[in-house]
């Protein structure tokens, strides 16, 4: 496994492949979930040199954090990095709302620490902006948590450049997490949420300028770029991908055609499977610090880890971009 650094996170090295923990949310969110498989996946990740785990309270309403904490319990705390998030809360009916009020941030952080069974969180990120709360107030709450040793670094997710700049007036922001993959280079929406940023055109240059770490989420387009979907693919009623309009109807058919062309090029000209190429495509950009890859079993994390064992050529990178343009 190779590792990368970012100057805004001094003294920290991230494995090029990170493990995204949304898939550990439980059977109510993902098809094919088994807790024992989730724990073995986390353990296998460590064996492969993966040292970065990205989770959030809203993933399974605490379930993913609990599973991650269970799997990591007893391991050397200095050997891995955990990133969690704040800003999305839910009620008894499972309705999710934005909340970045200071009291809510503290409550979320302390609940996360209990579920993770840890004394601190390495990287604590604002999951989504909350326009109803001044960013100064939210940053003040995060800075207090850092002063208390409950978090080490502050990051943001799904922030525009303007909002990031405003946050940075009140404290150090060390990382950005945005939607980014081969088929979504400057996406305008995630599911039905309008995005206020353009990843490749705005966020990557911003990270480069300020030395911030960058973590792309949905690197395999929720499985589409794994190369195993076809026109007969149907998600279960409770699977979160069922609500992604980009994986439905004519949009899905168009992207599936592009994926077919990508698979052919990968096989004929690169000699690697599409899932490895899609991850390696992200790692081609030096702004990318670690690719947050989801995995439900050991086979999947092993396949993801193989993507960090080789590199695309400039010619291959450009040709992949040309083919992928058909999905935009």
C-alpha atoms as a PDB file:
ATOM      1  CA  UNK A   1       0.000   0.000   0.000  1.00  0.00           C
ATOM      2  CA  UNK A   2       1.209   3.494  -0.840  1.00  0.00           C
ATOM      3  CA  UNK A   3       0.530   6.517   1.376  1.00  0.00           C
ATOM      4  CA  UNK A   4      -0.016  10.216   0.733  1.00  0.00           C
ATOM      5  CA  UNK A   5       0.175  13.357   2.828  1.00  0.00           C
ATOM      6  CA  UNK A   6      -1.327  16.840   2.788  1.00  0.00           C
ATOM      7  CA  UNK A   7       0.445  19.827   4.331  1.00  0.00           C
ATOM      8  CA  UNK A   8      -2.694  20.923   6.196  1.00  0.00           C
ATOM      9  CA  UNK A   9      -2.622  17.631   8.136  1.00  0.00           C
ATOM     10  CA  UNK A  10       0.922  17.738   9.416  1.00  0.00           C
ATOM     11  CA  UNK A  11       2.407  14.451  10.534  1.00  0.00           C
ATOM     12  CA  UNK A  12      -0.380  12.289   9.096  1.00  0.00           C
ATOM     13  CA  UNK A  13      -0.134   9.815   6.221  1.00  0.00           C
ATOM     14  CA  UNK A  14      -3.193   8.331   4.552  1.00  0.00           C
ATOM     15  CA  UNK A  15      -3.313   5.044   2.674  1.00  0.00           C
ATOM     16  CA  UNK A  16      -4.149   5.711  -0.967  1.00  0.00           C
ATOM     17  CA  UNK A  17      -7.126   3.398  -0.540  1.00  0.00           C
ATOM     18  CA  UNK A  18      -9.476   4.240   2.321  1.00  0.00           C
ATOM     19  CA  UNK A  19     -12.444   2.212   3.492  1.00  0.00           C
ATOM     20  CA  UNK A  20     -15.791   3.960   3.299  1.00  0.00           C
ATOM     21  CA  UNK A  21     -18.119   2.559   5.946  1.00  0.00           C
ATOM     22  CA  UNK A  22     -21.546   3.467   4.556  1.00  0.00           C
ATOM     23  CA  UNK A  23     -21.924  -0.169   3.464  1.00  0.00           C
ATOM     24  CA  UNK A  24     -21.903  -1.166   7.151  1.00  0.00           C
ATOM     25  CA  UNK A  25     -25.201   0.635   7.808  1.00  0.00           C
ATOM     26  CA  UNK A  26     -27.207  -2.561   8.088  1.00  0.00           C
ATOM     27  CA  UNK A  27     -29.799  -4.471   6.023  1.00  0.00           C
ATOM     28  CA  UNK A  28     -32.240  -1.558   6.044  1.00  0.00           C
ATOM     29  CA  UNK A  29     -29.859   0.443   3.824  1.00  0.00           C
ATOM     30  CA  UNK A  30     -27.881  -1.978   1.677  1.00  0.00           C
ATOM     31  CA  UNK A  31     -28.640  -5.317   0.054  1.00  0.00           C
ATOM     32  CA  UNK A  32     -26.431  -8.211   1.142  1.00  0.00           C
ATOM     33  CA  UNK A  33     -25.381  -6.811   4.533  1.00  0.00           C
ATOM     34  CA  UNK A  34     -23.912  -9.108   7.197  1.00  0.00           C
ATOM     35  CA  UNK A  35     -22.184  -7.758  10.318  1.00  0.00           C
ATOM     36  CA  UNK A  36     -19.653 -10.590  10.453  1.00  0.00           C
ATOM     37  CA  UNK A  37     -18.659  -9.862   6.872  1.00  0.00           C
ATOM     38  CA  UNK A  38     -18.334  -6.148   7.665  1.00  0.00           C
ATOM     39  CA  UNK A  39     -15.987  -6.838  10.575  1.00  0.00           C
ATOM     40  CA  UNK A  40     -13.851  -9.244   8.542  1.00  0.00           C
ATOM     41  CA  UNK A  41     -13.696  -6.628   5.765  1.00  0.00           C
ATOM     42  CA  UNK A  42     -12.324  -4.068   8.223  1.00  0.00           C
ATOM     43  CA  UNK A  43      -9.764  -6.552   9.529  1.00  0.00           C
ATOM     44  CA  UNK A  44      -8.699  -7.489   6.005  1.00  0.00           C
ATOM     45  CA  UNK A  45      -8.320  -3.789   5.181  1.00  0.00           C
ATOM     46  CA  UNK A  46      -5.818  -3.413   8.002  1.00  0.00           C
ATOM     47  CA  UNK A  47      -3.914  -6.458   6.741  1.00  0.00           C
ATOM     48  CA  UNK A  48      -3.669  -4.812   3.307  1.00  0.00           C
ATOM     49  CA  UNK A  49      -2.235  -1.596   4.756  1.00  0.00           C
ATOM     50  CA  UNK A  50      -5.423   0.451   4.692  1.00  0.00           C
ATOM     51  CA  UNK A  51      -5.190   2.899   7.594  1.00  0.00           C
ATOM     52  CA  UNK A  52      -8.044   5.308   6.817  1.00  0.00           C
ATOM     53  CA  UNK A  53     -11.694   4.631   7.698  1.00  0.00           C
ATOM     54  CA  UNK A  54     -14.444   7.096   6.818  1.00  0.00           C
ATOM     55  CA  UNK A  55     -17.773   6.832   8.624  1.00  0.00           C
ATOM     56  CA  UNK A  56     -20.676   9.034   9.779  1.00  0.00           C
ATOM     57  CA  UNK A  57     -23.379   8.856  12.470  1.00  0.00           C
ATOM     58  CA  UNK A  58     -26.142   8.923   9.862  1.00  0.00           C
ATOM     59  CA  UNK A  59     -24.832   5.725   8.253  1.00  0.00           C
ATOM     60  CA  UNK A  60     -27.347   3.256   9.593  1.00  0.00           C
ATOM     61  CA  UNK A  61     -28.281   5.730  12.344  1.00  0.00           C
ATOM     62  CA  UNK A  62     -25.201   4.842  14.340  1.00  0.00           C
ATOM     63  CA  UNK A  63     -24.832   1.258  13.146  1.00  0.00           C
ATOM     64  CA  UNK A  64     -21.777   1.812  10.936  1.00  0.00           C
ATOM     65  CA  UNK A  65     -19.890   3.608  13.714  1.00  0.00           C
ATOM     66  CA  UNK A  66     -20.741   0.816  16.147  1.00  0.00           C
ATOM     67  CA  UNK A  67     -19.515  -1.864  13.734  1.00  0.00           C
ATOM     68  CA  UNK A  68     -16.302   0.029  12.983  1.00  0.00           C
ATOM     69  CA  UNK A  69     -15.624   0.542  16.678  1.00  0.00           C
ATOM     70  CA  UNK A  70     -16.216  -3.129  17.387  1.00  0.00           C
ATOM     71  CA  UNK A  71     -13.844  -4.189  14.616  1.00  0.00           C
ATOM     72  CA  UNK A  72     -11.065  -1.815  15.659  1.00  0.00           C
ATOM     73  CA  UNK A  73     -11.319  -2.417  19.400  1.00  0.00           C
ATOM     74  CA  UNK A  74      -8.009  -3.610  20.819  1.00  0.00           C
ATOM     75  CA  UNK A  75      -5.984  -2.454  17.822  1.00  0.00           C
ATOM     76  CA  UNK A  76      -3.107   0.009  18.213  1.00  0.00           C
ATOM     77  CA  UNK A  77      -4.882   3.389  18.051  1.00  0.00           C
ATOM     78  CA  UNK A  78      -1.888   5.042  16.405  1.00  0.00           C
ATOM     79  CA  UNK A  79      -1.982   2.583  13.486  1.00  0.00           C
ATOM     80  CA  UNK A  80      -5.189   3.830  11.884  1.00  0.00           C
ATOM     81  CA  UNK A  81      -7.121   7.035  11.189  1.00  0.00           C
ATOM     82  CA  UNK A  82     -10.855   7.460  11.670  1.00  0.00           C
ATOM     83  CA  UNK A  83     -12.890  10.205  10.046  1.00  0.00           C
ATOM     84  CA  UNK A  84     -16.464  10.812  11.105  1.00  0.00           C
ATOM     85  CA  UNK A  85     -18.932  13.613  10.514  1.00  0.00           C
ATOM     86  CA  UNK A  86     -21.567  15.878  12.015  1.00  0.00           C
ATOM     87  CA  UNK A  87     -24.496  17.923  10.793  1.00  0.00           C
ATOM     88  CA  UNK A  88     -27.084  15.306   9.828  1.00  0.00           C
ATOM     89  CA  UNK A  89     -29.462  14.220  12.587  1.00  0.00           C
ATOM     90  CA  UNK A  90     -32.545  12.022  12.568  1.00  0.00           C
ATOM     91  CA  UNK A  91     -35.742  11.557  14.553  1.00  0.00           C
ATOM     92  CA  UNK A  92     -37.509   8.412  15.752  1.00  0.00           C
ATOM     93  CA  UNK A  93     -39.192   8.023  12.376  1.00  0.00           C
ATOM     94  CA  UNK A  94     -35.819   8.111  10.619  1.00  0.00           C
ATOM     95  CA  UNK A  95     -36.364  11.532   9.071  1.00  0.00           C
ATOM     96  CA  UNK A  96     -33.003  13.222   8.480  1.00  0.00           C
ATOM     97  CA  UNK A  97     -32.399  16.946   8.925  1.00  0.00           C
ATOM     98  CA  UNK A  98     -29.431  19.326   8.812  1.00  0.00           C
ATOM     99  CA  UNK A  99     -28.302  20.683  12.170  1.00  0.00           C
ATOM    100  CA  UNK A 100     -24.998  22.465  12.752  1.00  0.00           C
ATOM    101  CA  UNK A 101     -25.941  24.268  15.954  1.00  0.00           C
ATOM    102  CA  UNK A 102     -23.084  24.035  18.481  1.00  0.00           C
ATOM    103  CA  UNK A 103     -25.102  21.984  20.978  1.00  0.00           C
ATOM    104  CA  UNK A 104     -26.014  19.460  18.282  1.00  0.00           C
ATOM    105  CA  UNK A 105     -22.419  19.169  17.085  1.00  0.00           C
ATOM    106  CA  UNK A 106     -21.216  18.390  20.606  1.00  0.00           C
ATOM    107  CA  UNK A 107     -23.986  15.863  21.139  1.00  0.00           C
ATOM    108  CA  UNK A 108     -23.139  14.144  17.859  1.00  0.00           C
ATOM    109  CA  UNK A 109     -19.404  14.063  18.580  1.00  0.00           C
ATOM    110  CA  UNK A 110     -19.839  12.552  22.022  1.00  0.00           C
ATOM    111  CA  UNK A 111     -22.308   9.957  20.714  1.00  0.00           C
ATOM    112  CA  UNK A 112     -19.878   9.035  17.934  1.00  0.00           C
ATOM    113  CA  UNK A 113     -17.052   8.569  20.411  1.00  0.00           C
ATOM    114  CA  UNK A 114     -19.213   6.238  22.492  1.00  0.00           C
ATOM    115  CA  UNK A 115     -20.217   4.136  19.488  1.00  0.00           C
ATOM    116  CA  UNK A 116     -16.649   4.033  18.167  1.00  0.00           C
ATOM    117  CA  UNK A 117     -15.321   3.247  21.659  1.00  0.00           C
ATOM    118  CA  UNK A 118     -12.537   5.781  21.114  1.00  0.00           C
ATOM    119  CA  UNK A 119     -11.174   8.775  22.996  1.00  0.00           C
ATOM    120  CA  UNK A 120     -10.758  10.927  19.906  1.00  0.00           C
ATOM    121  CA  UNK A 121     -11.669  11.146  16.215  1.00  0.00           C
ATOM    122  CA  UNK A 122      -8.783  11.940  13.877  1.00  0.00           C
ATOM    123  CA  UNK A 123     -10.729  13.923  11.289  1.00  0.00           C
ATOM    124  CA  UNK A 124     -14.124  15.405  12.136  1.00  0.00           C
ATOM    125  CA  UNK A 125     -16.012  16.690   9.112  1.00  0.00           C
ATOM    126  CA  UNK A 126     -19.122  18.774   8.564  1.00  0.00           C
ATOM    127  CA  UNK A 127     -21.200  16.381   6.476  1.00  0.00           C
ATOM    128  CA  UNK A 128     -23.365  18.944   4.673  1.00  0.00           C
ATOM    129  CA  UNK A 129     -23.763  22.721   5.069  1.00  0.00           C
ATOM    130  CA  UNK A 130     -26.609  24.073   7.204  1.00  0.00           C
ATOM    131  CA  UNK A 131     -27.681  27.514   5.904  1.00  0.00           C
ATOM    132  CA  UNK A 132     -29.708  28.156   9.064  1.00  0.00           C
ATOM    133  CA  UNK A 133     -26.597  28.323  11.282  1.00  0.00           C
ATOM    134  CA  UNK A 134     -23.728  30.823  10.876  1.00  0.00           C
ATOM    135  CA  UNK A 135     -20.592  28.908   9.965  1.00  0.00           C
ATOM    136  CA  UNK A 136     -18.741  30.875  12.645  1.00  0.00           C
ATOM    137  CA  UNK A 137     -20.893  29.224  15.332  1.00  0.00           C
ATOM    138  CA  UNK A 138     -20.310  25.752  13.928  1.00  0.00           C
ATOM    139  CA  UNK A 139     -16.573  26.281  13.637  1.00  0.00           C
ATOM    140  CA  UNK A 140     -16.435  27.547  17.226  1.00  0.00           C
ATOM    141  CA  UNK A 141     -18.004  24.285  18.421  1.00  0.00           C
ATOM    142  CA  UNK A 142     -15.507  22.238  16.408  1.00  0.00           C
ATOM    143  CA  UNK A 143     -12.569  24.243  17.721  1.00  0.00           C
ATOM    144  CA  UNK A 144     -13.720  23.628  21.293  1.00  0.00           C
ATOM    145  CA  UNK A 145     -13.852  19.882  20.622  1.00  0.00           C
ATOM    146  CA  UNK A 146     -10.336  20.058  19.224  1.00  0.00           C
ATOM    147  CA  UNK A 147      -9.083  21.958  22.255  1.00  0.00           C
ATOM    148  CA  UNK A 148     -10.557  19.228  24.476  1.00  0.00           C
ATOM    149  CA  UNK A 149      -8.701  16.543  22.523  1.00  0.00           C
ATOM    150  CA  UNK A 150     -11.885  14.894  21.231  1.00  0.00           C
ATOM    151  CA  UNK A 151     -10.989  15.582  17.591  1.00  0.00           C
ATOM    152  CA  UNK A 152      -7.611  16.204  15.931  1.00  0.00           C
ATOM    153  CA  UNK A 153      -8.441  17.903  12.634  1.00  0.00           C
ATOM    154  CA  UNK A 154     -11.452  19.651  11.096  1.00  0.00           C
ATOM    155  CA  UNK A 155     -12.717  18.927   7.599  1.00  0.00           C
ATOM    156  CA  UNK A 156     -15.716  19.790   5.458  1.00  0.00           C
ATOM    157  CA  UNK A 157     -17.798  17.852   2.977  1.00  0.00           C
ATOM    158  CA  UNK A 158     -19.968  19.169   0.146  1.00  0.00           C
ATOM    159  CA  UNK A 159     -18.842  22.756   0.756  1.00  0.00           C
ATOM    160  CA  UNK A 160     -18.571  25.391  -1.931  1.00  0.00           C
ATOM    161  CA  UNK A 161     -15.334  27.348  -2.264  1.00  0.00           C
ATOM    162  CA  UNK A 162     -17.046  30.450  -0.858  1.00  0.00           C
ATOM    163  CA  UNK A 163     -18.340  28.641   2.221  1.00  0.00           C
ATOM    164  CA  UNK A 164     -14.971  26.985   2.763  1.00  0.00           C
ATOM    165  CA  UNK A 165     -13.264  30.365   2.655  1.00  0.00           C
ATOM    166  CA  UNK A 166     -15.721  31.712   5.199  1.00  0.00           C
ATOM    167  CA  UNK A 167     -15.126  28.740   7.507  1.00  0.00           C
ATOM    168  CA  UNK A 168     -11.366  29.208   7.224  1.00  0.00           C
ATOM    169  CA  UNK A 169     -11.670  32.727   8.608  1.00  0.00           C
ATOM    170  CA  UNK A 170     -12.604  31.149  11.951  1.00  0.00           C
ATOM    171  CA  UNK A 171     -10.299  28.136  12.120  1.00  0.00           C
ATOM    172  CA  UNK A 172      -8.154  25.686  10.183  1.00  0.00           C
ATOM    173  CA  UNK A 173     -10.018  23.517   7.674  1.00  0.00           C
ATOM    174  CA  UNK A 174      -7.743  20.648   6.725  1.00  0.00           C
ATOM    175  CA  UNK A 175      -9.711  18.625   4.197  1.00  0.00           C
ATOM    176  CA  UNK A 176     -12.476  18.542   1.631  1.00  0.00           C
ATOM    177  CA  UNK A 177     -14.720  15.631   0.731  1.00  0.00           C
ATOM    178  CA  UNK A 178     -16.712  15.903  -2.490  1.00  0.00           C
ATOM    179  CA  UNK A 179     -18.534  13.763  -5.038  1.00  0.00           C
ATOM    180  CA  UNK A 180     -16.003  12.764  -7.700  1.00  0.00           C
ATOM    181  CA  UNK A 181     -15.517   9.834 -10.037  1.00  0.00           C
ATOM    182  CA  UNK A 182     -14.750   9.157 -13.683  1.00  0.00           C
ATOM    183  CA  UNK A 183     -18.357   9.767 -14.727  1.00  0.00           C
ATOM    184  CA  UNK A 184     -19.039  12.641 -12.309  1.00  0.00           C
ATOM    185  CA  UNK A 185     -16.145  15.067 -12.640  1.00  0.00           C
ATOM    186  CA  UNK A 186     -18.146  18.262 -12.066  1.00  0.00           C
ATOM    187  CA  UNK A 187     -21.531  16.945 -10.907  1.00  0.00           C
ATOM    188  CA  UNK A 188     -24.377  19.360 -10.259  1.00  0.00           C
ATOM    189  CA  UNK A 189     -26.374  17.016  -8.018  1.00  0.00           C
ATOM    190  CA  UNK A 190     -26.049  14.028  -5.715  1.00  0.00           C
ATOM    191  CA  UNK A 191     -29.223  11.934  -5.687  1.00  0.00           C
ATOM    192  CA  UNK A 192     -31.802  14.746  -5.476  1.00  0.00           C
ATOM    193  CA  UNK A 193     -29.513  17.231  -3.674  1.00  0.00           C
ATOM    194  CA  UNK A 194     -28.210  20.175  -5.685  1.00  0.00           C
ATOM    195  CA  UNK A 195     -24.449  20.661  -5.223  1.00  0.00           C
ATOM    196  CA  UNK A 196     -23.058  24.156  -4.739  1.00  0.00           C
ATOM    197  CA  UNK A 197     -19.599  23.226  -6.012  1.00  0.00           C
ATOM    198  CA  UNK A 198     -17.914  21.754  -9.085  1.00  0.00           C
ATOM    199  CA  UNK A 199     -15.352  19.253  -7.942  1.00  0.00           C
ATOM    200  CA  UNK A 200     -12.717  19.204 -10.662  1.00  0.00           C
ATOM    201  CA  UNK A 201     -12.977  22.844 -11.676  1.00  0.00           C
ATOM    202  CA  UNK A 202     -13.223  24.372  -8.190  1.00  0.00           C
ATOM    203  CA  UNK A 203     -12.513  22.039  -5.267  1.00  0.00           C
ATOM    204  CA  UNK A 204      -9.351  20.345  -6.538  1.00  0.00           C
ATOM    205  CA  UNK A 205      -7.599  23.662  -7.306  1.00  0.00           C
ATOM    206  CA  UNK A 206      -8.729  24.976  -3.899  1.00  0.00           C
ATOM    207  CA  UNK A 207      -7.197  21.976  -2.120  1.00  0.00           C
ATOM    208  CA  UNK A 208      -3.983  22.379  -4.087  1.00  0.00           C
ATOM    209  CA  UNK A 209      -3.780  26.061  -3.176  1.00  0.00           C
ATOM    210  CA  UNK A 210      -4.325  25.524   0.556  1.00  0.00           C
ATOM    211  CA  UNK A 211      -2.593  22.169   1.023  1.00  0.00           C
ATOM    212  CA  UNK A 212      -5.831  20.502   2.075  1.00  0.00           C
ATOM    213  CA  UNK A 213      -6.440  16.794   1.799  1.00  0.00           C
ATOM    214  CA  UNK A 214      -9.047  15.754  -0.754  1.00  0.00           C
ATOM    215  CA  UNK A 215     -11.208  12.661  -0.372  1.00  0.00           C
ATOM    216  CA  UNK A 216     -13.493  11.766  -3.298  1.00  0.00           C
ATOM    217  CA  UNK A 217     -16.648   9.948  -2.288  1.00  0.00           C
ATOM    218  CA  UNK A 218     -18.622   7.552  -4.480  1.00  0.00           C
ATOM    219  CA  UNK A 219     -15.469   6.679  -6.478  1.00  0.00           C
ATOM    220  CA  UNK A 220     -17.209   3.747  -8.171  1.00  0.00           C
ATOM    221  CA  UNK A 221     -20.498   5.621  -8.710  1.00  0.00           C
ATOM    222  CA  UNK A 222     -22.254   3.443  -6.099  1.00  0.00           C
ATOM    223  CA  UNK A 223     -21.123   0.295  -7.927  1.00  0.00           C
ATOM    224  CA  UNK A 224     -21.702   1.329 -11.555  1.00  0.00           C
ATOM    225  CA  UNK A 225     -17.961   1.675 -12.194  1.00  0.00           C
ATOM    226  CA  UNK A 226     -17.308  -1.735 -10.679  1.00  0.00           C
ATOM    227  CA  UNK A 227     -18.418  -2.954 -14.093  1.00  0.00           C
ATOM    228  CA  UNK A 228     -20.909  -5.546 -12.870  1.00  0.00           C
ATOM    229  CA  UNK A 229     -24.220  -3.755 -13.534  1.00  0.00           C
ATOM    230  CA  UNK A 230     -26.423  -4.484 -16.531  1.00  0.00           C
ATOM    231  CA  UNK A 231     -29.842  -3.420 -17.835  1.00  0.00           C
ATOM    232  CA  UNK A 232     -31.568  -6.002 -15.643  1.00  0.00           C
ATOM    233  CA  UNK A 233     -30.062  -4.604 -12.429  1.00  0.00           C
ATOM    234  CA  UNK A 234     -32.728  -3.973  -9.798  1.00  0.00           C
ATOM    235  CA  UNK A 235     -32.019  -2.646  -6.312  1.00  0.00           C
ATOM    236  CA  UNK A 236     -33.980  -3.815  -3.296  1.00  0.00           C
ATOM    237  CA  UNK A 237     -36.718  -1.546  -1.954  1.00  0.00           C
ATOM    238  CA  UNK A 238     -34.561  -0.497   1.005  1.00  0.00           C
ATOM    239  CA  UNK A 239     -31.284  -0.134  -0.928  1.00  0.00           C
ATOM    240  CA  UNK A 240     -30.204   3.534  -0.974  1.00  0.00           C
ATOM    241  CA  UNK A 241     -29.153   3.276  -4.628  1.00  0.00           C
ATOM    242  CA  UNK A 242     -32.778   2.801  -5.585  1.00  0.00           C
ATOM    243  CA  UNK A 243     -33.237   6.543  -4.934  1.00  0.00           C
ATOM    244  CA  UNK A 244     -30.386   7.686  -7.164  1.00  0.00           C
ATOM    245  CA  UNK A 245     -31.974   9.116 -10.353  1.00  0.00           C
ATOM    246  CA  UNK A 246     -28.671   8.663 -12.200  1.00  0.00           C
ATOM    247  CA  UNK A 247     -29.117   4.908 -11.820  1.00  0.00           C
ATOM    248  CA  UNK A 248     -32.645   4.908 -13.227  1.00  0.00           C
ATOM    249  CA  UNK A 249     -34.307   5.170 -16.637  1.00  0.00           C
ATOM    250  CA  UNK A 250     -32.695   6.745 -19.684  1.00  0.00           C
ATOM    251  CA  UNK A 251     -29.840   8.304 -17.677  1.00  0.00           C
ATOM    252  CA  UNK A 252     -28.856   4.871 -16.436  1.00  0.00           C
ATOM    253  CA  UNK A 253     -29.065   3.362 -19.925  1.00  0.00           C
ATOM    254  CA  UNK A 254     -26.788   6.064 -21.343  1.00  0.00           C
ATOM    255  CA  UNK A 255     -24.218   5.658 -18.589  1.00  0.00           C
ATOM    256  CA  UNK A 256     -24.360   1.883 -18.878  1.00  0.00           C
ATOM    257  CA  UNK A 257     -23.418   2.209 -22.558  1.00  0.00           C
ATOM    258  CA  UNK A 258     -20.430   4.363 -21.618  1.00  0.00           C
ATOM    259  CA  UNK A 259     -19.400   1.861 -18.952  1.00  0.00           C
ATOM    260  CA  UNK A 260     -19.472  -0.878 -21.594  1.00  0.00           C
ATOM    261  CA  UNK A 261     -17.068   1.147 -23.746  1.00  0.00           C
ATOM    262  CA  UNK A 262     -14.839   1.814 -20.756  1.00  0.00           C
ATOM    263  CA  UNK A 263     -14.733  -1.890 -19.870  1.00  0.00           C
ATOM    264  CA  UNK A 264     -13.704  -2.736 -23.412  1.00  0.00           C
ATOM    265  CA  UNK A 265     -10.905  -0.167 -23.424  1.00  0.00           C
ATOM    266  CA  UNK A 266      -9.687  -1.311 -20.004  1.00  0.00           C
ATOM    267  CA  UNK A 267      -9.545  -4.924 -21.165  1.00  0.00           C
ATOM    268  CA  UNK A 268      -7.950  -4.260 -24.551  1.00  0.00           C
ATOM    269  CA  UNK A 269      -5.545  -1.403 -23.834  1.00  0.00           C
ATOM    270  CA  UNK A 270      -4.821  -1.417 -20.089  1.00  0.00           C
ATOM    271  CA  UNK A 271      -5.262  -5.055 -19.131  1.00  0.00           C
ATOM    272  CA  UNK A 272      -6.986  -4.201 -15.873  1.00  0.00           C
ATOM    273  CA  UNK A 273     -10.627  -4.478 -14.706  1.00  0.00           C
ATOM    274  CA  UNK A 274     -12.768  -1.342 -14.708  1.00  0.00           C
ATOM    275  CA  UNK A 275     -13.026  -1.091 -10.913  1.00  0.00           C
ATOM    276  CA  UNK A 276      -9.225  -0.869 -10.598  1.00  0.00           C
ATOM    277  CA  UNK A 277      -8.995   1.613 -13.453  1.00  0.00           C
ATOM    278  CA  UNK A 278     -11.728   3.848 -11.976  1.00  0.00           C
ATOM    279  CA  UNK A 279      -9.852   4.058  -8.665  1.00  0.00           C
ATOM    280  CA  UNK A 280      -6.487   4.495 -10.372  1.00  0.00           C
ATOM    281  CA  UNK A 281      -8.009   7.285 -12.473  1.00  0.00           C
ATOM    282  CA  UNK A 282      -8.680   9.188  -9.240  1.00  0.00           C
ATOM    283  CA  UNK A 283      -5.187   8.537  -7.902  1.00  0.00           C
ATOM    284  CA  UNK A 284      -3.729   9.996 -11.095  1.00  0.00           C
ATOM    285  CA  UNK A 285      -4.590  13.408  -9.642  1.00  0.00           C
ATOM    286  CA  UNK A 286      -2.069  14.395  -6.992  1.00  0.00           C
ATOM    287  CA  UNK A 287      -4.711  16.426  -5.159  1.00  0.00           C
ATOM    288  CA  UNK A 288      -6.422  13.155  -4.219  1.00  0.00           C
ATOM    289  CA  UNK A 289      -5.151  12.073  -0.813  1.00  0.00           C
ATOM    290  CA  UNK A 290      -7.112   8.854  -0.321  1.00  0.00           C
ATOM    291  CA  UNK A 291      -9.923   7.270  -2.313  1.00  0.00           C
ATOM    292  CA  UNK A 292     -12.848   6.362  -0.050  1.00  0.00           C
ATOM    293  CA  UNK A 293     -13.908   2.970  -1.390  1.00  0.00           C
ATOM    294  CA  UNK A 294     -16.864   1.076   0.003  1.00  0.00           C
ATOM    295  CA  UNK A 295     -16.677  -2.698   0.391  1.00  0.00           C
ATOM    296  CA  UNK A 296     -19.062  -5.277   1.813  1.00  0.00           C
ATOM    297  CA  UNK A 297     -16.664  -8.213   1.895  1.00  0.00           C
ATOM    298  CA  UNK A 298     -12.992  -9.137   1.797  1.00  0.00           C
ATOM    299  CA  UNK A 299     -13.044  -9.823  -1.931  1.00  0.00           C
ATOM    300  CA  UNK A 300     -14.151  -6.277  -2.673  1.00  0.00           C
ATOM    301  CA  UNK A 301     -11.570  -4.552  -0.494  1.00  0.00           C
ATOM    302  CA  UNK A 302      -8.852  -6.756  -1.972  1.00  0.00           C
ATOM    303  CA  UNK A 303      -9.977  -5.726  -5.462  1.00  0.00           C
ATOM    304  CA  UNK A 304      -9.922  -2.059  -4.440  1.00  0.00           C
ATOM    305  CA  UNK A 305      -6.469  -2.345  -2.891  1.00  0.00           C
ATOM    306  CA  UNK A 306      -5.033  -3.775  -6.113  1.00  0.00           C
ATOM    307  CA  UNK A 307      -5.803  -0.454  -7.795  1.00  0.00           C
ATOM    308  CA  UNK A 308      -2.980   1.173  -5.827  1.00  0.00           C
ATOM    309  CA  UNK A 309      -0.362  -1.251  -7.139  1.00  0.00           C
ATOM    310  CA  UNK A 310       0.064   0.315 -10.594  1.00  0.00           C
ATOM    311  CA  UNK A 311      -0.384   3.643 -12.403  1.00  0.00           C
ATOM    312  CA  UNK A 312      -2.138   4.905 -15.531  1.00  0.00           C
ATOM    313  CA  UNK A 313      -0.111   6.511 -18.285  1.00  0.00           C
ATOM    314  CA  UNK A 314      -0.951  10.020 -19.425  1.00  0.00           C
ATOM    315  CA  UNK A 315      -2.252   8.637 -22.733  1.00  0.00           C
ATOM    316  CA  UNK A 316      -4.529   6.158 -20.950  1.00  0.00           C
ATOM    317  CA  UNK A 317      -5.828   8.870 -18.628  1.00  0.00           C
ATOM    318  CA  UNK A 318      -6.726  11.106 -21.555  1.00  0.00           C
ATOM    319  CA  UNK A 319      -8.448   8.318 -23.482  1.00  0.00           C
ATOM    320  CA  UNK A 320     -10.521   7.354 -20.452  1.00  0.00           C
ATOM    321  CA  UNK A 321     -11.630  10.971 -20.144  1.00  0.00           C
ATOM    322  CA  UNK A 322     -12.629  11.014 -23.818  1.00  0.00           C
ATOM    323  CA  UNK A 323     -14.738   7.878 -23.498  1.00  0.00           C
ATOM    324  CA  UNK A 324     -16.297   8.995 -20.193  1.00  0.00           C
ATOM    325  CA  UNK A 325     -17.457  12.269 -21.763  1.00  0.00           C
ATOM    326  CA  UNK A 326     -20.431  10.394 -23.166  1.00  0.00           C
ATOM    327  CA  UNK A 327     -21.859  10.004 -19.649  1.00  0.00           C
ATOM    328  CA  UNK A 328     -21.893  13.717 -18.848  1.00  0.00           C
END
